[in-house]
């Protein structure tokens, strides 16, 4: 026999809400290595994904069947959508473009984070954090520390004269080396 409504209600704690989160991080690399952009303020983030955890597979053919074994971990880009804003401290679209340009310049196809020799990861990457809150927005219930991020795509801002009562936004895809996932101590 299936689970009754009383068992469901008794075993469900209310779930999580998609709009109770904060994202923070520096635009640019580690302080002191290249000019660090503004601290990313979480209220500029319209949406973010929690990063995927993917383990690849190694297929082995044996007598007409394929048997799969666990392979290496794969990290896909981490995506965020940002509200465009004005002012020197809030021009996040320009800050992301500046960061991307330091990694690979538009005009001369060089980077300015290598100091002419090598490009250590800490010269172009920085750490970001996503916190998810309880339904009341008072307590952190999950924290993702996303390590060694750098932008691969700084998306466009779609301008449209037919759009009323809409804020401009743009998407950014960041690559990273790994993440840690923690729950609060209870």
N, C-alpha and C. Protein backbone atom coordinates (compact mmCIF):
# COMPACT_ATOMS: atom_id res chain seq x y z
N UNK A 1 0.84 -1.18 0.00
CA UNK A 1 0.00 0.00 0.00
C UNK A 1 0.89 1.24 0.00
N UNK A 2 0.44 2.29 -0.69
CA UNK A 2 1.22 3.52 -0.81
C UNK A 2 1.20 4.37 0.45
N UNK A 3 2.03 5.36 0.42
CA UNK A 3 2.14 6.28 1.54
C UNK A 3 0.91 7.18 1.57
N UNK A 4 0.33 7.37 2.73
CA UNK A 4 -0.83 8.23 2.88
C UNK A 4 -0.43 9.69 3.05
N UNK A 5 -1.40 10.58 2.97
CA UNK A 5 -1.13 12.01 3.07
C UNK A 5 -0.54 12.38 4.42
N UNK A 6 -0.97 11.72 5.50
CA UNK A 6 -0.43 12.02 6.83
C UNK A 6 1.04 11.67 6.91
N UNK A 7 1.45 10.55 6.31
CA UNK A 7 2.86 10.17 6.32
C UNK A 7 3.69 11.15 5.50
N UNK A 8 3.10 11.58 4.35
CA UNK A 8 3.81 12.56 3.53
C UNK A 8 4.02 13.86 4.30
N UNK A 9 2.95 14.39 4.89
CA UNK A 9 3.04 15.65 5.63
C UNK A 9 4.00 15.51 6.80
N UNK A 10 3.95 14.38 7.50
CA UNK A 10 4.83 14.18 8.64
C UNK A 10 6.30 14.04 8.25
N UNK A 11 6.57 13.60 7.03
CA UNK A 11 7.94 13.39 6.61
C UNK A 11 8.51 14.47 5.71
N UNK A 12 7.73 15.51 5.42
CA UNK A 12 8.18 16.60 4.53
C UNK A 12 8.36 17.87 5.35
N UNK A 13 9.53 18.48 5.25
CA UNK A 13 9.85 19.65 6.07
C UNK A 13 9.54 20.98 5.40
N UNK A 14 8.83 21.00 4.29
CA UNK A 14 8.45 22.26 3.66
C UNK A 14 9.23 22.59 2.41
N UNK A 15 10.30 21.86 2.10
CA UNK A 15 11.06 22.08 0.87
C UNK A 15 11.91 23.33 0.89
N UNK A 16 12.57 23.57 -0.22
CA UNK A 16 13.39 24.77 -0.37
C UNK A 16 12.76 25.67 -1.42
N UNK A 17 13.13 26.93 -1.42
CA UNK A 17 12.59 27.90 -2.37
C UNK A 17 13.69 28.30 -3.36
N UNK A 18 13.32 28.42 -4.62
CA UNK A 18 14.28 28.77 -5.66
C UNK A 18 14.80 30.21 -5.55
N UNK A 19 14.04 31.08 -4.89
CA UNK A 19 14.43 32.49 -4.83
C UNK A 19 15.09 32.88 -3.51
N UNK A 20 15.54 31.93 -2.71
CA UNK A 20 16.22 32.22 -1.44
C UNK A 20 17.69 31.83 -1.58
N UNK A 21 18.49 32.73 -2.17
CA UNK A 21 19.91 32.44 -2.38
C UNK A 21 20.70 33.74 -2.46
N UNK A 22 22.00 33.61 -2.30
CA UNK A 22 22.92 34.73 -2.47
C UNK A 22 24.19 34.20 -3.12
N UNK A 23 24.74 34.99 -4.06
CA UNK A 23 25.98 34.63 -4.75
C UNK A 23 26.97 35.74 -4.49
N UNK A 24 28.19 35.38 -4.07
CA UNK A 24 29.23 36.38 -3.84
C UNK A 24 30.55 35.90 -4.44
N UNK A 25 31.38 36.85 -4.79
CA UNK A 25 32.70 36.55 -5.34
C UNK A 25 33.32 37.80 -5.92
N UNK A 26 34.61 37.74 -6.20
CA UNK A 26 35.29 38.85 -6.83
C UNK A 26 35.30 38.69 -8.34
N UNK A 27 35.09 39.79 -9.04
CA UNK A 27 35.23 39.78 -10.49
C UNK A 27 36.69 40.09 -10.76
N UNK A 28 37.41 39.16 -11.30
CA UNK A 28 38.84 39.29 -11.49
C UNK A 28 39.52 38.19 -10.72
N UNK A 29 40.81 38.33 -10.53
CA UNK A 29 41.56 37.26 -9.88
C UNK A 29 41.87 37.61 -8.43
N UNK A 30 42.69 36.77 -7.84
CA UNK A 30 43.04 36.94 -6.44
C UNK A 30 43.64 38.32 -6.18
N UNK A 31 43.32 38.94 -5.06
CA UNK A 31 43.82 40.28 -4.76
C UNK A 31 45.35 40.34 -4.85
N UNK A 32 45.83 41.43 -5.44
CA UNK A 32 47.27 41.65 -5.55
C UNK A 32 47.89 41.08 -6.81
N UNK A 33 47.17 40.23 -7.53
CA UNK A 33 47.76 39.63 -8.73
C UNK A 33 47.37 40.40 -9.98
N UNK A 34 46.10 40.69 -10.17
CA UNK A 34 45.67 41.64 -11.18
C UNK A 34 44.63 42.52 -10.52
N UNK A 35 44.31 43.62 -11.16
CA UNK A 35 43.33 44.51 -10.58
C UNK A 35 42.03 43.75 -10.36
N UNK A 36 41.59 43.74 -9.14
CA UNK A 36 40.39 43.00 -8.79
C UNK A 36 39.18 43.88 -9.01
N UNK A 37 38.16 43.34 -9.62
CA UNK A 37 36.94 44.09 -9.86
C UNK A 37 36.14 44.23 -8.59
N UNK A 38 34.93 44.76 -8.72
CA UNK A 38 34.10 44.95 -7.54
C UNK A 38 33.69 43.61 -6.93
N UNK A 39 33.45 43.63 -5.64
CA UNK A 39 32.90 42.44 -5.00
C UNK A 39 31.50 42.26 -5.55
N UNK A 40 31.22 41.08 -6.00
CA UNK A 40 29.93 40.81 -6.60
C UNK A 40 28.86 40.88 -5.53
N UNK A 41 27.92 41.76 -5.71
CA UNK A 41 26.85 41.90 -4.75
C UNK A 41 25.69 41.00 -5.14
N UNK A 42 25.20 40.24 -4.19
CA UNK A 42 24.23 39.19 -4.49
C UNK A 42 22.92 39.74 -5.03
N UNK A 43 22.58 40.99 -4.74
CA UNK A 43 21.30 41.47 -5.23
C UNK A 43 21.32 41.74 -6.73
N UNK A 44 22.48 41.72 -7.36
CA UNK A 44 22.55 41.86 -8.82
C UNK A 44 22.32 40.55 -9.55
N UNK A 45 22.32 39.45 -8.83
CA UNK A 45 22.12 38.14 -9.44
C UNK A 45 20.62 37.87 -9.56
N UNK A 46 20.15 37.70 -10.78
CA UNK A 46 18.75 37.34 -10.98
C UNK A 46 18.55 35.84 -10.86
N UNK A 47 19.51 35.08 -11.38
CA UNK A 47 19.40 33.63 -11.27
C UNK A 47 20.79 33.01 -11.33
N UNK A 48 20.89 31.83 -10.76
CA UNK A 48 22.14 31.06 -10.78
C UNK A 48 21.76 29.59 -10.72
N UNK A 49 22.64 28.76 -11.21
CA UNK A 49 22.45 27.33 -11.07
C UNK A 49 23.38 26.83 -9.98
N UNK A 50 22.96 25.81 -9.28
CA UNK A 50 23.91 25.11 -8.42
C UNK A 50 24.70 24.19 -9.35
N UNK A 51 26.01 24.08 -9.15
CA UNK A 51 26.82 23.35 -10.12
C UNK A 51 26.48 21.86 -10.18
N UNK A 52 26.68 21.30 -11.37
CA UNK A 52 26.45 19.88 -11.59
C UNK A 52 27.60 19.05 -11.05
N UNK A 53 27.31 17.83 -10.66
CA UNK A 53 28.33 16.87 -10.28
C UNK A 53 28.21 15.68 -11.22
N UNK A 54 29.15 15.54 -12.12
CA UNK A 54 29.09 14.51 -13.15
C UNK A 54 30.31 13.61 -13.03
N UNK A 55 30.08 12.31 -13.00
CA UNK A 55 31.16 11.34 -13.10
C UNK A 55 31.01 10.66 -14.45
N UNK A 56 32.06 10.75 -15.26
CA UNK A 56 32.04 10.14 -16.57
C UNK A 56 31.98 8.64 -16.49
N UNK A 57 31.84 8.02 -17.64
CA UNK A 57 31.79 6.57 -17.66
C UNK A 57 32.82 6.03 -18.65
N UNK A 58 33.31 4.85 -18.35
CA UNK A 58 34.25 4.15 -19.23
C UNK A 58 33.53 2.90 -19.74
N UNK A 59 33.09 2.92 -21.01
CA UNK A 59 32.41 1.74 -21.54
C UNK A 59 33.41 0.67 -21.97
N UNK A 60 33.12 -0.56 -21.63
CA UNK A 60 33.96 -1.70 -22.02
C UNK A 60 33.06 -2.70 -22.73
N UNK A 61 33.43 -3.06 -23.94
CA UNK A 61 32.65 -4.03 -24.71
C UNK A 61 33.11 -5.43 -24.35
N UNK A 62 32.12 -6.27 -24.07
CA UNK A 62 32.41 -7.67 -23.73
C UNK A 62 31.32 -8.55 -24.32
N UNK A 63 31.67 -9.35 -25.31
CA UNK A 63 30.79 -10.34 -25.93
C UNK A 63 29.41 -9.78 -26.29
N UNK A 64 29.43 -8.66 -26.97
CA UNK A 64 28.17 -8.08 -27.45
C UNK A 64 27.45 -7.20 -26.46
N UNK A 65 28.01 -7.00 -25.29
CA UNK A 65 27.39 -6.11 -24.30
C UNK A 65 28.38 -5.03 -23.91
N UNK A 66 27.83 -3.92 -23.50
CA UNK A 66 28.66 -2.84 -23.00
C UNK A 66 28.50 -2.77 -21.50
N UNK A 67 29.62 -2.85 -20.80
CA UNK A 67 29.63 -2.71 -19.35
C UNK A 67 30.31 -1.38 -19.04
N UNK A 68 29.69 -0.59 -18.18
CA UNK A 68 30.25 0.72 -17.86
C UNK A 68 30.86 0.73 -16.47
N UNK A 69 31.99 1.43 -16.36
CA UNK A 69 32.67 1.63 -15.08
C UNK A 69 32.80 3.13 -14.84
N UNK A 70 32.89 3.53 -13.57
CA UNK A 70 33.05 4.96 -13.29
C UNK A 70 34.34 5.51 -13.89
N UNK A 71 34.22 6.71 -14.46
CA UNK A 71 35.37 7.38 -15.05
C UNK A 71 35.80 8.58 -14.23
N UNK A 72 36.26 9.60 -14.91
CA UNK A 72 36.75 10.81 -14.26
C UNK A 72 35.62 11.82 -14.07
N UNK A 73 35.80 12.69 -13.09
CA UNK A 73 34.83 13.74 -12.83
C UNK A 73 34.93 14.81 -13.92
N UNK A 74 33.77 15.29 -14.35
CA UNK A 74 33.67 16.32 -15.38
C UNK A 74 32.92 17.51 -14.78
N UNK A 75 33.42 18.71 -15.02
CA UNK A 75 32.72 19.92 -14.57
C UNK A 75 32.26 20.70 -15.78
N UNK A 76 30.96 20.97 -15.83
CA UNK A 76 30.37 21.77 -16.90
C UNK A 76 30.40 23.24 -16.45
N UNK A 77 30.24 24.18 -17.39
CA UNK A 77 30.23 25.60 -17.00
C UNK A 77 29.14 25.89 -15.96
N UNK A 78 29.46 26.85 -15.09
CA UNK A 78 28.52 27.32 -14.09
C UNK A 78 27.91 28.61 -14.63
N UNK A 79 26.59 28.71 -14.64
CA UNK A 79 25.89 29.83 -15.28
C UNK A 79 25.18 30.71 -14.27
N UNK A 80 25.31 32.02 -14.50
CA UNK A 80 24.60 33.00 -13.68
C UNK A 80 23.99 34.05 -14.63
N UNK A 81 22.90 34.66 -14.20
CA UNK A 81 22.27 35.75 -14.94
C UNK A 81 22.30 36.98 -14.04
N UNK A 82 22.77 38.09 -14.59
CA UNK A 82 23.06 39.29 -13.81
C UNK A 82 22.20 40.45 -14.30
N UNK A 83 21.65 41.21 -13.37
CA UNK A 83 20.94 42.44 -13.72
C UNK A 83 21.97 43.51 -14.06
N UNK A 84 21.82 44.13 -15.23
CA UNK A 84 22.72 45.20 -15.63
C UNK A 84 22.40 46.43 -14.80
N UNK A 85 23.43 47.17 -14.42
CA UNK A 85 23.24 48.36 -13.59
C UNK A 85 24.18 49.44 -14.10
N UNK A 86 24.02 50.65 -13.60
CA UNK A 86 24.84 51.76 -14.04
C UNK A 86 25.78 52.20 -12.92
N UNK A 87 26.72 53.06 -13.26
CA UNK A 87 27.65 53.59 -12.28
C UNK A 87 28.97 52.84 -12.29
N UNK A 88 30.01 53.50 -11.84
CA UNK A 88 31.36 52.92 -11.86
C UNK A 88 31.47 51.67 -11.01
N UNK A 89 30.82 51.63 -9.86
CA UNK A 89 30.94 50.49 -8.96
C UNK A 89 30.01 49.34 -9.34
N UNK A 90 28.99 49.63 -10.13
CA UNK A 90 27.99 48.61 -10.45
C UNK A 90 28.01 48.17 -11.90
N UNK A 91 28.98 48.61 -12.70
CA UNK A 91 28.98 48.22 -14.10
C UNK A 91 29.58 46.83 -14.24
N UNK A 92 28.79 45.84 -13.89
CA UNK A 92 29.27 44.46 -13.87
C UNK A 92 29.51 43.91 -15.27
N UNK A 93 28.75 44.38 -16.26
CA UNK A 93 28.96 43.93 -17.64
C UNK A 93 30.37 44.31 -18.08
N UNK A 94 30.78 45.54 -17.83
CA UNK A 94 32.14 45.98 -18.19
C UNK A 94 33.18 45.24 -17.36
N UNK A 95 32.91 45.03 -16.09
CA UNK A 95 33.87 44.34 -15.23
C UNK A 95 34.13 42.92 -15.72
N UNK A 96 33.08 42.21 -16.12
CA UNK A 96 33.27 40.86 -16.66
C UNK A 96 34.03 40.88 -17.98
N UNK A 97 33.72 41.87 -18.84
CA UNK A 97 34.46 41.99 -20.10
C UNK A 97 35.93 42.32 -19.83
N UNK A 98 36.20 43.18 -18.87
CA UNK A 98 37.60 43.51 -18.52
C UNK A 98 38.33 42.26 -18.04
N UNK A 99 37.69 41.46 -17.20
CA UNK A 99 38.29 40.23 -16.69
C UNK A 99 38.59 39.28 -17.84
N UNK A 100 37.62 39.09 -18.72
CA UNK A 100 37.81 38.23 -19.89
C UNK A 100 38.93 38.75 -20.79
N UNK A 101 38.99 40.06 -20.95
CA UNK A 101 40.01 40.67 -21.81
C UNK A 101 41.42 40.48 -21.24
N UNK A 102 41.54 40.45 -19.91
CA UNK A 102 42.85 40.21 -19.30
C UNK A 102 43.31 38.77 -19.53
N UNK A 103 42.35 37.86 -19.65
CA UNK A 103 42.69 36.46 -19.92
C UNK A 103 43.08 36.29 -21.39
N UNK A 104 42.35 36.93 -22.29
CA UNK A 104 42.67 36.90 -23.72
C UNK A 104 42.13 38.17 -24.36
N UNK A 105 43.04 39.07 -24.73
CA UNK A 105 42.66 40.39 -25.23
C UNK A 105 41.98 40.31 -26.59
N UNK A 106 40.96 41.16 -26.77
CA UNK A 106 40.24 41.22 -28.03
C UNK A 106 41.16 41.64 -29.18
N UNK A 107 41.98 42.63 -28.94
CA UNK A 107 42.75 43.23 -30.04
C UNK A 107 44.00 42.46 -30.42
N UNK A 108 44.81 42.06 -29.46
CA UNK A 108 46.09 41.46 -29.83
C UNK A 108 46.25 39.99 -29.42
N UNK A 109 45.16 39.34 -28.96
CA UNK A 109 45.17 37.91 -28.68
C UNK A 109 46.26 37.50 -27.68
N UNK A 110 46.46 38.32 -26.66
CA UNK A 110 47.44 38.02 -25.62
C UNK A 110 46.73 38.12 -24.27
N UNK A 111 47.43 37.66 -23.21
CA UNK A 111 46.86 37.85 -21.88
C UNK A 111 47.76 38.79 -21.09
N UNK A 112 47.16 39.46 -20.13
CA UNK A 112 47.92 40.38 -19.29
C UNK A 112 48.04 39.89 -17.87
N UNK A 113 47.73 38.62 -17.64
CA UNK A 113 47.83 38.06 -16.30
C UNK A 113 49.03 37.15 -16.15
N UNK A 114 49.81 36.97 -17.20
CA UNK A 114 50.88 35.97 -17.16
C UNK A 114 52.23 36.53 -16.75
N UNK A 115 52.38 37.84 -16.68
CA UNK A 115 53.66 38.48 -16.38
C UNK A 115 54.74 38.04 -17.37
N UNK A 116 54.31 37.70 -18.59
CA UNK A 116 55.24 37.39 -19.65
C UNK A 116 55.82 35.98 -19.65
N UNK A 117 55.57 35.17 -18.64
CA UNK A 117 56.20 33.86 -18.58
C UNK A 117 55.14 32.76 -18.60
N UNK A 118 54.47 32.56 -17.50
CA UNK A 118 53.45 31.52 -17.41
C UNK A 118 52.16 32.15 -16.90
N UNK A 119 51.12 31.40 -16.90
CA UNK A 119 49.84 31.90 -16.40
C UNK A 119 49.36 31.03 -15.26
N UNK A 120 49.87 31.26 -14.05
CA UNK A 120 49.35 30.49 -12.92
C UNK A 120 47.86 30.74 -12.75
N UNK A 121 47.13 29.70 -12.38
CA UNK A 121 45.67 29.80 -12.26
C UNK A 121 45.25 30.94 -11.34
N UNK A 122 46.00 31.17 -10.26
CA UNK A 122 45.58 32.23 -9.33
C UNK A 122 45.76 33.62 -9.90
N UNK A 123 46.36 33.76 -11.10
CA UNK A 123 46.45 35.07 -11.75
C UNK A 123 45.18 35.42 -12.51
N UNK A 124 44.32 34.44 -12.84
CA UNK A 124 43.12 34.76 -13.59
C UNK A 124 41.85 34.18 -12.99
N UNK A 125 41.96 33.38 -11.95
CA UNK A 125 40.79 32.72 -11.38
C UNK A 125 40.54 33.19 -9.95
N UNK A 126 39.30 33.09 -9.53
CA UNK A 126 38.91 33.48 -8.18
C UNK A 126 37.79 32.55 -7.69
N UNK A 127 37.52 32.56 -6.43
CA UNK A 127 36.51 31.68 -5.83
C UNK A 127 35.19 32.42 -5.67
N UNK A 128 34.11 31.68 -5.83
CA UNK A 128 32.77 32.22 -5.66
C UNK A 128 31.99 31.34 -4.69
N UNK A 129 30.91 31.87 -4.16
CA UNK A 129 30.12 31.13 -3.18
C UNK A 129 28.63 31.33 -3.47
N UNK A 130 27.88 30.24 -3.37
CA UNK A 130 26.42 30.29 -3.47
C UNK A 130 25.87 29.76 -2.16
N UNK A 131 25.03 30.56 -1.52
CA UNK A 131 24.36 30.13 -0.29
C UNK A 131 22.87 30.02 -0.58
N UNK A 132 22.29 28.92 -0.15
CA UNK A 132 20.85 28.75 -0.27
C UNK A 132 20.26 28.86 1.13
N UNK A 133 19.15 29.61 1.24
CA UNK A 133 18.54 29.89 2.54
C UNK A 133 17.25 29.11 2.74
N UNK A 134 16.85 28.99 4.00
CA UNK A 134 15.59 28.33 4.33
C UNK A 134 14.42 29.18 3.82
N UNK A 135 13.18 28.66 3.86
CA UNK A 135 12.04 29.40 3.33
C UNK A 135 11.83 30.78 3.95
N UNK A 136 12.29 30.99 5.18
CA UNK A 136 12.16 32.29 5.82
C UNK A 136 13.31 33.23 5.46
N UNK A 137 14.34 32.73 4.78
CA UNK A 137 15.48 33.55 4.41
C UNK A 137 16.39 33.88 5.58
N UNK A 138 16.26 33.17 6.68
CA UNK A 138 17.00 33.49 7.89
C UNK A 138 18.22 32.61 8.12
N UNK A 139 18.22 31.39 7.60
CA UNK A 139 19.27 30.43 7.93
C UNK A 139 19.81 29.80 6.66
N UNK A 140 21.14 29.73 6.56
CA UNK A 140 21.78 29.07 5.42
C UNK A 140 21.58 27.57 5.55
N UNK A 141 21.07 26.93 4.48
CA UNK A 141 20.85 25.49 4.53
C UNK A 141 21.83 24.72 3.64
N UNK A 142 22.45 25.39 2.66
CA UNK A 142 23.47 24.78 1.79
C UNK A 142 24.46 25.86 1.38
N UNK A 143 25.72 25.47 1.26
CA UNK A 143 26.74 26.39 0.75
C UNK A 143 27.57 25.66 -0.29
N UNK A 144 27.71 26.26 -1.44
CA UNK A 144 28.59 25.76 -2.50
C UNK A 144 29.75 26.74 -2.63
N UNK A 145 30.98 26.26 -2.42
CA UNK A 145 32.18 27.05 -2.66
C UNK A 145 32.74 26.60 -4.01
N UNK A 146 32.67 27.48 -4.99
CA UNK A 146 33.07 27.15 -6.35
C UNK A 146 34.48 27.71 -6.55
N UNK A 147 35.43 26.82 -6.79
CA UNK A 147 36.85 27.15 -6.74
C UNK A 147 37.44 27.44 -8.11
N UNK A 148 38.30 28.47 -8.16
CA UNK A 148 39.10 28.81 -9.35
C UNK A 148 38.23 29.11 -10.57
N UNK A 149 37.29 30.04 -10.40
CA UNK A 149 36.38 30.43 -11.48
C UNK A 149 37.02 31.44 -12.42
N UNK A 150 36.65 31.35 -13.69
CA UNK A 150 37.02 32.36 -14.68
C UNK A 150 35.97 32.32 -15.79
N UNK A 151 35.68 33.48 -16.41
CA UNK A 151 34.59 33.54 -17.38
C UNK A 151 34.98 32.94 -18.73
N UNK A 152 34.11 32.10 -19.27
CA UNK A 152 34.29 31.60 -20.63
C UNK A 152 33.37 32.34 -21.60
N UNK A 153 32.19 32.75 -21.13
CA UNK A 153 31.26 33.50 -21.96
C UNK A 153 30.70 34.66 -21.15
N UNK A 154 30.82 35.87 -21.70
CA UNK A 154 30.12 37.04 -21.16
C UNK A 154 29.04 37.34 -22.19
N UNK A 155 27.80 37.05 -21.82
CA UNK A 155 26.70 37.13 -22.77
C UNK A 155 26.32 38.55 -23.14
N UNK A 156 25.53 38.67 -24.19
CA UNK A 156 25.10 39.98 -24.66
C UNK A 156 23.98 40.55 -23.79
N UNK A 157 23.76 41.84 -23.94
CA UNK A 157 22.58 42.49 -23.38
C UNK A 157 21.66 42.76 -24.56
N UNK A 158 20.48 42.17 -24.51
CA UNK A 158 19.54 42.31 -25.62
C UNK A 158 18.78 43.62 -25.46
N UNK A 159 19.01 44.56 -26.37
CA UNK A 159 18.29 45.83 -26.37
C UNK A 159 17.06 45.70 -27.27
N UNK A 160 15.94 46.31 -26.86
CA UNK A 160 14.70 46.14 -27.61
C UNK A 160 13.77 47.30 -27.27
N UNK A 161 13.48 48.16 -28.26
CA UNK A 161 12.61 49.31 -28.02
C UNK A 161 11.17 48.93 -27.69
N UNK A 162 10.78 47.71 -27.99
CA UNK A 162 9.42 47.26 -27.72
C UNK A 162 9.24 46.74 -26.29
N UNK A 163 10.31 46.66 -25.52
CA UNK A 163 10.23 46.14 -24.16
C UNK A 163 9.96 47.26 -23.16
N UNK A 164 8.87 47.17 -22.45
CA UNK A 164 8.55 48.12 -21.39
C UNK A 164 8.67 47.41 -20.05
N UNK A 165 8.97 48.17 -19.01
CA UNK A 165 8.99 47.66 -17.65
C UNK A 165 9.85 46.41 -17.50
N UNK A 166 11.01 46.40 -18.15
CA UNK A 166 11.92 45.27 -18.11
C UNK A 166 13.33 45.76 -17.85
N UNK A 167 14.03 45.13 -16.94
CA UNK A 167 15.42 45.47 -16.69
C UNK A 167 16.33 44.68 -17.62
N UNK A 168 17.41 45.32 -18.04
CA UNK A 168 18.41 44.63 -18.87
C UNK A 168 19.16 43.63 -18.01
N UNK A 169 19.53 42.52 -18.63
CA UNK A 169 20.28 41.48 -17.93
C UNK A 169 21.21 40.80 -18.92
N UNK A 170 22.19 40.08 -18.39
CA UNK A 170 23.10 39.32 -19.24
C UNK A 170 23.54 38.08 -18.50
N UNK A 171 23.96 37.09 -19.27
CA UNK A 171 24.38 35.81 -18.69
C UNK A 171 25.90 35.71 -18.74
N UNK A 172 26.46 35.00 -17.77
CA UNK A 172 27.90 34.72 -17.73
C UNK A 172 28.05 33.23 -17.45
N UNK A 173 28.94 32.58 -18.20
CA UNK A 173 29.32 31.19 -17.95
C UNK A 173 30.73 31.18 -17.41
N UNK A 174 30.94 30.50 -16.29
CA UNK A 174 32.25 30.42 -15.68
C UNK A 174 32.69 28.96 -15.60
N UNK A 175 33.95 28.72 -15.87
CA UNK A 175 34.54 27.40 -15.64
C UNK A 175 35.18 27.43 -14.26
N UNK A 176 35.43 26.26 -13.70
CA UNK A 176 36.01 26.16 -12.36
C UNK A 176 36.71 24.81 -12.25
N UNK A 177 37.56 24.68 -11.24
CA UNK A 177 38.28 23.42 -11.08
C UNK A 177 37.48 22.40 -10.28
N UNK A 178 36.74 22.86 -9.25
CA UNK A 178 35.96 21.96 -8.42
C UNK A 178 35.08 22.78 -7.49
N UNK A 179 34.22 22.11 -6.76
CA UNK A 179 33.42 22.80 -5.74
C UNK A 179 33.34 21.95 -4.50
N UNK A 180 33.05 22.61 -3.38
CA UNK A 180 32.74 21.90 -2.14
C UNK A 180 31.30 22.25 -1.78
N UNK A 181 30.64 21.28 -1.19
CA UNK A 181 29.21 21.41 -0.85
C UNK A 181 29.11 21.13 0.63
N UNK A 182 28.65 22.11 1.40
CA UNK A 182 28.55 21.93 2.85
C UNK A 182 27.15 22.22 3.35
N UNK A 183 26.78 21.54 4.39
CA UNK A 183 25.54 21.80 5.10
C UNK A 183 25.91 22.41 6.45
N UNK A 184 25.04 23.23 7.04
CA UNK A 184 25.38 23.83 8.33
C UNK A 184 25.42 22.77 9.42
N UNK A 185 26.19 23.05 10.46
CA UNK A 185 26.19 22.16 11.63
C UNK A 185 24.84 22.31 12.33
N UNK A 186 24.24 21.21 12.69
CA UNK A 186 22.93 21.30 13.36
C UNK A 186 23.04 20.94 14.81
